[in-house]
Amino acid sequence: MPIIGNTYDTLLDHALRTDPNGSLPEIVKLIDQVNELDDIPVIRGNLETGVLTVRRIGLPEITRRKVNQGVKPSKQKTDQITDTAITYESHSVVDFDELAIAEDKKGERLQIAGSHLQAMAEARASDMFYGKASDGAFNGFATHYNKIGEQVIDAKGTSNLSSVFCIGWAPNTITSFYPKNSTTAGIIHMPSEKPERVPAPDGSNTFMMAYTDVFKWMTGLAVRNYKFGSRIANLDIENTAINDLVALFIKAKNRLPSLKVCMPRFYCNETIYTALEIAAVNKANVNLTIERLENDTKILSILGIPIRRIDALKNNETKVV
């Protein structure tokens, strides 16, 4: 079965349109190097701070009409939810002497700042799954899907618990976003033009001359249609057979109302991913496949849906009830 691919604009797509010949796409590429969330859709919000979604919560009343019989007007029932972006920020300091010997000073400066971008990407990945608005983050998937029920499957584990999420990404289902007022896809880079006198990082209470770079990333998560996400909760990563694990993946997939109007992806941690990959290599389950793409990238999938490894997903989650 062919891999179900991406048909939506990613953060890199927005960056390339915004700044085709500048540093913004390079910043995004450095962000994307450290997680497997690089193919998710990103939209520009419809609010200065985020996204307003009008959700349908009830269908209009339908009349079974006979000849010469009137039809009563009706309308669908809706409500509104607002998702607000948060800002990740990090400051990089590059020693003047270190940069002086570099041939490509701009590129070298950005590469040195890579650890700051990595830290921001890892913080966003953690928030994507475990974030809580009450803690200053946006609400992540574990916060949205936090009770056993229609969209949350109980794997009935009691220890070494983890979760697998099946997300049907699309601009109108579940999406990442940046605020409407951002002209740089939610990413701001403020580099100093001249070296500045800053405290030395060695803790000696001395100073040095250095270039500084401020990075800001304004982003959020909008679960615009709750049914396009599902969770396998209470999964015992040490005591779940491969066939049982695959069966749970299939159940999670089938909790989504449609795969035709979204880009489905599974997300699990390294332990679960490794077990599935070994099963695919050993052909222990026909539903698991590894496909080699044109760029030599190998994609692990189940029934054509890619499985992504997310290191932020834990092995010691609290039991979901």
Protein backbone atom coordinates (compact mmCIF):
# COMPACT_ATOMS: atom_id res chain seq x y z
CA MET A 1 0.00 0.00 0.00
CA PRO A 2 1.46 3.42 -0.92
CA ILE A 3 2.47 5.83 1.79
CA ILE A 4 -0.27 8.33 2.58
CA GLY A 5 1.63 11.54 1.94
CA ASN A 6 1.57 15.24 2.66
CA THR A 7 -0.54 17.62 0.59
CA TYR A 8 -0.49 20.60 2.96
CA ASP A 9 1.87 23.53 3.48
CA THR A 10 4.50 22.93 6.14
CA LEU A 11 6.50 25.48 8.12
CA LEU A 12 9.28 25.23 5.54
CA ASP A 13 6.83 25.98 2.73
CA HIS A 14 5.73 29.17 4.51
CA ALA A 15 9.36 30.12 5.18
CA LEU A 16 10.37 29.65 1.55
CA ARG A 17 7.53 31.86 0.36
CA THR A 18 8.23 34.49 2.99
CA ASP A 19 12.01 34.61 2.66
CA PRO A 20 13.11 32.64 -0.44
CA ASN A 21 16.70 33.87 -0.46
CA GLY A 22 17.25 34.60 3.22
CA SER A 23 18.07 32.81 6.46
CA LEU A 24 14.49 31.94 7.50
CA PRO A 25 14.34 28.64 5.53
CA GLU A 26 17.74 27.66 6.96
CA ILE A 27 16.44 28.27 10.48
CA VAL A 28 13.42 26.08 9.77
CA LYS A 29 15.65 23.32 8.37
CA LEU A 30 17.72 23.38 11.56
CA ILE A 31 14.52 23.16 13.62
CA ASP A 32 13.25 20.26 11.52
CA GLN A 33 16.44 18.24 11.92
CA VAL A 34 15.66 17.22 15.48
CA ASN A 35 12.11 15.91 15.36
CA GLU A 36 9.66 14.06 13.13
CA LEU A 37 7.04 16.81 13.07
CA ASP A 38 8.47 18.48 9.97
CA ASP A 39 5.67 17.36 7.62
CA ILE A 40 2.70 18.57 9.65
CA PRO A 41 0.47 21.30 8.18
CA VAL A 42 0.93 24.88 9.31
CA ILE A 43 -1.59 27.63 8.67
CA ARG A 44 -1.63 31.35 9.23
CA GLY A 45 -4.06 32.11 12.04
CA ASN A 46 -7.19 34.17 11.56
CA LEU A 47 -6.60 36.11 14.79
CA GLU A 48 -3.76 38.39 15.84
CA THR A 49 -2.82 35.83 18.50
CA GLY A 50 -4.00 32.53 17.03
CA VAL A 51 -6.93 30.69 15.49
CA LEU A 52 -10.68 30.97 15.95
CA THR A 53 -12.59 27.82 14.97
CA VAL A 54 -16.34 27.59 14.51
CA ARG A 55 -17.24 23.96 15.22
CA ARG A 56 -20.40 22.14 14.25
CA ILE A 57 -21.87 20.45 17.31
CA GLY A 58 -25.22 19.46 15.85
CA LEU A 59 -26.82 18.83 12.46
CA PRO A 60 -29.78 20.85 11.16
CA GLU A 61 -33.21 19.26 11.37
CA ILE A 62 -34.34 17.59 8.14
CA THR A 63 -37.98 17.41 6.97
CA ARG A 64 -39.39 14.38 5.20
CA ARG A 65 -41.55 16.33 2.79
CA LYS A 66 -44.76 15.24 1.06
CA VAL A 67 -46.45 17.01 -1.86
CA ASN A 68 -47.88 20.43 -0.84
CA GLN A 69 -46.24 20.15 2.59
CA GLY A 70 -44.06 22.97 3.91
CA VAL A 71 -40.53 22.73 5.24
CA LYS A 72 -39.58 24.27 8.57
CA PRO A 73 -36.37 26.35 8.44
CA SER A 74 -33.50 24.87 10.45
CA LYS A 75 -29.81 25.48 11.00
CA GLN A 76 -26.82 23.60 12.31
CA LYS A 77 -25.66 24.09 15.89
CA THR A 78 -22.19 25.53 16.36
CA ASP A 79 -19.82 26.78 19.02
CA GLN A 80 -16.48 28.59 18.93
CA ILE A 81 -13.05 27.75 20.29
CA THR A 82 -9.95 29.94 20.30
CA ASP A 83 -6.41 28.54 20.25
CA THR A 84 -3.65 30.97 21.18
CA ALA A 85 -0.04 30.79 20.05
CA ILE A 86 2.80 30.78 22.54
CA THR A 87 6.34 32.05 22.02
CA TYR A 88 9.52 30.01 22.42
CA GLU A 89 12.58 32.23 22.80
CA SER A 90 16.31 31.60 23.03
CA HIS A 91 19.41 33.83 22.94
CA SER A 92 22.66 32.70 21.31
CA VAL A 93 26.08 34.25 21.98
CA VAL A 94 29.01 33.75 19.58
CA ASP A 95 32.52 34.83 20.58
CA PHE A 96 33.89 37.54 18.26
CA ASP A 97 37.22 35.70 17.82
CA GLU A 98 35.47 32.43 16.96
CA LEU A 99 33.50 34.07 14.18
CA ALA A 100 36.45 36.13 12.89
CA ILE A 101 38.19 33.08 11.40
CA ALA A 102 35.08 31.70 9.66
CA GLU A 103 34.84 32.12 5.87
CA ASP A 104 31.04 32.02 5.81
CA LYS A 105 30.34 34.12 8.87
CA LYS A 106 26.56 34.16 8.43
CA GLY A 107 26.36 30.40 7.96
CA GLU A 108 28.80 29.68 10.78
CA ARG A 109 26.87 31.92 13.13
CA LEU A 110 23.62 30.11 12.34
CA GLN A 111 25.21 26.68 12.78
CA ILE A 112 26.63 27.68 16.16
CA ALA A 113 23.14 28.77 17.18
CA GLY A 114 21.79 25.35 16.14
CA SER A 115 21.67 24.04 19.71
CA HIS A 116 19.30 26.88 20.64
CA LEU A 117 17.02 25.98 17.73
CA GLN A 118 17.20 22.32 18.73
CA ALA A 119 16.15 23.18 22.28
CA MET A 120 13.19 25.17 20.95
CA ALA A 121 12.17 22.29 18.67
CA GLU A 122 12.36 19.78 21.52
CA ALA A 123 10.30 22.04 23.79
CA ARG A 124 7.65 22.36 21.06
CA ALA A 125 7.62 18.59 20.51
CA SER A 126 7.10 18.00 24.23
CA ASP A 127 4.29 20.56 24.33
CA MET A 128 2.70 19.05 21.22
CA PHE A 129 1.99 15.91 23.23
CA TYR A 130 2.04 16.90 26.92
CA GLY A 131 1.56 20.68 26.97
CA LYS A 132 -1.00 22.35 29.23
CA ALA A 133 -2.27 25.90 28.87
CA SER A 134 -2.28 26.13 32.67
CA ASP A 135 1.51 25.67 32.60
CA GLY A 136 2.07 28.39 30.01
CA ALA A 137 2.15 26.06 26.99
CA PHE A 138 -0.60 25.24 24.52
CA ASN A 139 -2.77 22.20 25.18
CA GLY A 140 -1.09 19.13 23.71
CA PHE A 141 -2.65 15.87 22.57
CA ALA A 142 -2.46 14.16 25.97
CA THR A 143 -4.41 17.10 27.40
CA HIS A 144 -7.04 16.96 24.66
CA TYR A 145 -7.35 13.16 24.73
CA ASN A 146 -7.21 12.55 28.46
CA LYS A 147 -10.13 10.19 29.23
CA ILE A 148 -10.85 6.65 28.12
CA GLY A 149 -13.74 6.83 25.66
CA GLU A 150 -14.61 7.12 22.02
CA GLN A 151 -11.27 8.58 20.89
CA VAL A 152 -9.06 7.11 23.63
CA ILE A 153 -8.44 3.36 23.64
CA ASP A 154 -7.46 1.59 26.85
CA ALA A 155 -4.57 -0.83 26.25
CA LYS A 156 -5.08 -2.01 29.85
CA GLY A 157 -1.44 -1.86 30.91
CA THR A 158 -0.56 -1.28 34.55
CA SER A 159 3.15 -0.38 34.41
CA ASN A 160 5.75 1.05 31.99
CA LEU A 161 2.93 3.02 30.42
CA SER A 162 3.16 4.99 27.20
CA SER A 163 0.79 6.29 24.53
CA VAL A 164 0.48 6.16 20.77
CA PHE A 165 -1.35 8.96 18.98
CA CYS A 166 -3.03 8.76 15.58
CA ILE A 167 -3.51 12.27 14.17
CA GLY A 168 -5.41 13.16 11.00
CA TRP A 169 -3.67 16.41 10.04
CA ALA A 170 -5.36 18.99 7.82
CA PRO A 171 -5.99 22.75 8.02
CA ASN A 172 -9.61 22.14 9.04
CA THR A 173 -9.09 19.14 11.34
CA ILE A 174 -5.90 19.34 13.40
CA THR A 175 -3.13 21.76 12.51
CA SER A 176 -0.23 23.81 13.74
CA PHE A 177 -0.39 27.56 13.18
CA TYR A 178 1.29 30.91 13.61
CA PRO A 179 -0.42 34.23 14.43
CA LYS A 180 -2.08 36.32 11.75
CA ASN A 181 0.12 39.34 12.46
CA SER A 182 3.37 37.47 11.78
CA THR A 183 5.01 38.18 8.43
CA THR A 184 7.76 35.58 8.96
CA ALA A 185 5.76 32.37 9.54
CA GLY A 186 5.93 32.92 13.29
CA ILE A 187 9.75 32.90 13.40
CA ILE A 188 11.75 35.97 14.34
CA HIS A 189 15.56 36.19 14.15
CA MET A 190 17.20 39.30 15.58
CA PRO A 191 20.97 39.21 14.97
CA SER A 192 23.24 41.91 16.33
CA GLU A 193 25.00 43.80 13.55
CA LYS A 194 28.05 44.61 15.67
CA PRO A 195 29.79 42.73 18.51
CA GLU A 196 28.54 43.58 21.97
CA ARG A 197 30.10 43.40 25.44
CA VAL A 198 28.47 40.43 27.18
CA PRO A 199 29.19 38.31 30.30
CA ALA A 200 31.57 35.43 29.55
CA PRO A 201 29.82 32.03 29.69
CA ASP A 202 32.57 30.45 31.85
CA GLY A 203 31.13 31.89 35.07
CA SER A 204 34.24 33.96 35.79
CA ASN A 205 32.29 37.21 36.19
CA THR A 206 34.29 38.67 33.29
CA PHE A 207 33.19 40.02 29.93
CA MET A 208 33.91 39.37 26.28
CA MET A 209 33.01 40.78 22.88
CA ALA A 210 30.45 38.65 21.04
CA TYR A 211 27.67 38.64 18.50
CA THR A 212 24.21 37.86 19.81
CA ASP A 213 21.24 36.24 18.10
CA VAL A 214 17.71 36.27 19.48
CA PHE A 215 15.34 33.59 18.16
CA LYS A 216 11.60 33.62 18.71
CA TRP A 217 9.09 31.06 17.48
CA MET A 218 5.38 31.83 17.78
CA THR A 219 3.34 28.69 17.23
CA GLY A 220 0.40 26.70 18.54
CA LEU A 221 -1.79 23.64 18.05
CA ALA A 222 -5.43 23.78 16.99
CA VAL A 223 -7.59 20.67 17.44
CA ARG A 224 -10.39 21.99 15.25
CA ASN A 225 -12.17 18.63 14.94
CA TYR A 226 -11.65 16.37 17.95
CA LYS A 227 -12.61 13.21 16.06
CA PHE A 228 -9.55 13.44 13.83
CA GLY A 229 -7.30 12.41 16.70
CA SER A 230 -7.13 9.22 18.71
CA ARG A 231 -4.93 7.84 21.45
CA ILE A 232 -3.85 4.39 22.57
CA ALA A 233 -3.38 4.94 26.30
CA ASN A 234 -2.06 2.73 29.10
CA LEU A 235 0.20 0.81 26.73
CA ASP A 236 2.66 -1.44 28.59
CA ILE A 237 5.76 -1.13 26.42
CA GLU A 238 7.41 -4.19 28.02
CA ASN A 239 4.54 -6.67 27.79
CA THR A 240 2.60 -6.08 24.60
CA ALA A 241 2.93 -8.60 21.76
CA ILE A 242 3.51 -7.27 18.25
CA ASN A 243 0.22 -8.58 16.88
CA ASP A 244 -1.65 -7.03 19.82
CA LEU A 245 0.19 -3.76 19.25
CA VAL A 246 -0.67 -3.74 15.55
CA ALA A 247 -4.31 -4.47 16.39
CA LEU A 248 -4.36 -1.42 18.69
CA PHE A 249 -2.89 0.72 15.90
CA ILE A 250 -5.64 -0.43 13.56
CA LYS A 251 -8.31 0.37 16.16
CA ALA A 252 -6.83 3.85 16.63
CA LYS A 253 -6.81 4.44 12.88
CA ASN A 254 -10.45 3.46 12.60
CA ARG A 255 -11.49 5.97 15.27
CA LEU A 256 -10.81 8.73 12.70
CA PRO A 257 -13.96 9.39 10.64
CA SER A 258 -12.07 9.54 7.32
CA LEU A 259 -8.54 9.22 5.99
CA LYS A 260 -9.44 10.86 2.67
CA VAL A 261 -9.72 14.41 3.99
CA CYS A 262 -6.59 14.43 6.16
CA MET A 263 -2.95 13.37 6.36
CA PRO A 264 -2.84 10.57 8.98
CA ARG A 265 0.28 9.92 11.05
CA PHE A 266 1.06 7.68 14.02
CA TYR A 267 3.35 8.92 16.81
CA CYS A 268 5.11 6.67 19.31
CA ASN A 269 8.32 6.61 21.35
CA GLU A 270 11.61 4.89 20.52
CA THR A 271 10.79 1.64 22.36
CA ILE A 272 7.55 1.05 20.48
CA TYR A 273 9.03 2.23 17.17
CA THR A 274 11.96 -0.17 17.49
CA ALA A 275 9.69 -3.14 18.21
CA LEU A 276 7.58 -2.33 15.15
CA GLU A 277 10.60 -1.83 12.92
CA ILE A 278 12.10 -5.17 13.96
CA ALA A 279 8.76 -6.85 13.24
CA ALA A 280 8.67 -5.21 9.80
CA VAL A 281 12.23 -6.28 8.97
CA ASN A 282 11.48 -9.85 10.12
CA LYS A 283 8.14 -9.78 8.29
CA ALA A 284 6.45 -10.76 11.52
CA ASN A 285 3.28 -8.87 10.57
CA VAL A 286 2.13 -8.24 7.01
CA ASN A 287 0.53 -4.91 7.97
CA LEU A 288 3.94 -3.39 8.79
CA THR A 289 6.07 -2.24 5.87
CA ILE A 290 9.25 -0.28 5.24
CA GLU A 291 9.27 1.74 2.05
CA ARG A 292 12.31 3.39 0.50
CA LEU A 293 11.56 6.80 -1.00
CA GLU A 294 13.35 8.43 -3.95
CA ASN A 295 15.68 10.36 -1.62
CA ASP A 296 16.66 7.05 0.02
CA THR A 297 14.62 7.84 3.13
CA LYS A 298 13.04 4.76 4.68
CA ILE A 299 9.49 5.08 6.01
CA LEU A 300 8.01 2.63 8.51
CA SER A 301 4.26 2.43 8.09
CA ILE A 302 1.21 0.42 9.01
CA LEU A 303 -1.45 -0.01 6.33
CA GLY A 304 0.18 2.86 4.43
CA ILE A 305 0.16 5.30 7.35
CA PRO A 306 3.65 6.51 8.36
CA ILE A 307 4.78 5.89 11.94
CA ARG A 308 6.86 8.69 13.44
CA ARG A 309 9.27 8.36 16.35
CA ILE A 310 8.88 11.09 18.97
CA ASP A 311 11.45 11.02 21.76
CA ALA A 312 9.29 13.35 23.87
CA LEU A 313 6.75 10.54 24.42
CA LYS A 314 7.38 8.97 27.80
CA ASN A 315 7.60 5.40 29.12
CA ASN A 316 6.24 6.26 32.55
CA GLU A 317 2.91 7.99 31.92
CA THR A 318 0.23 8.19 34.58
CA LYS A 319 -2.62 5.75 33.97
CA VAL A 320 -5.47 7.27 31.97
CA VAL A 321 -8.96 6.43 33.25
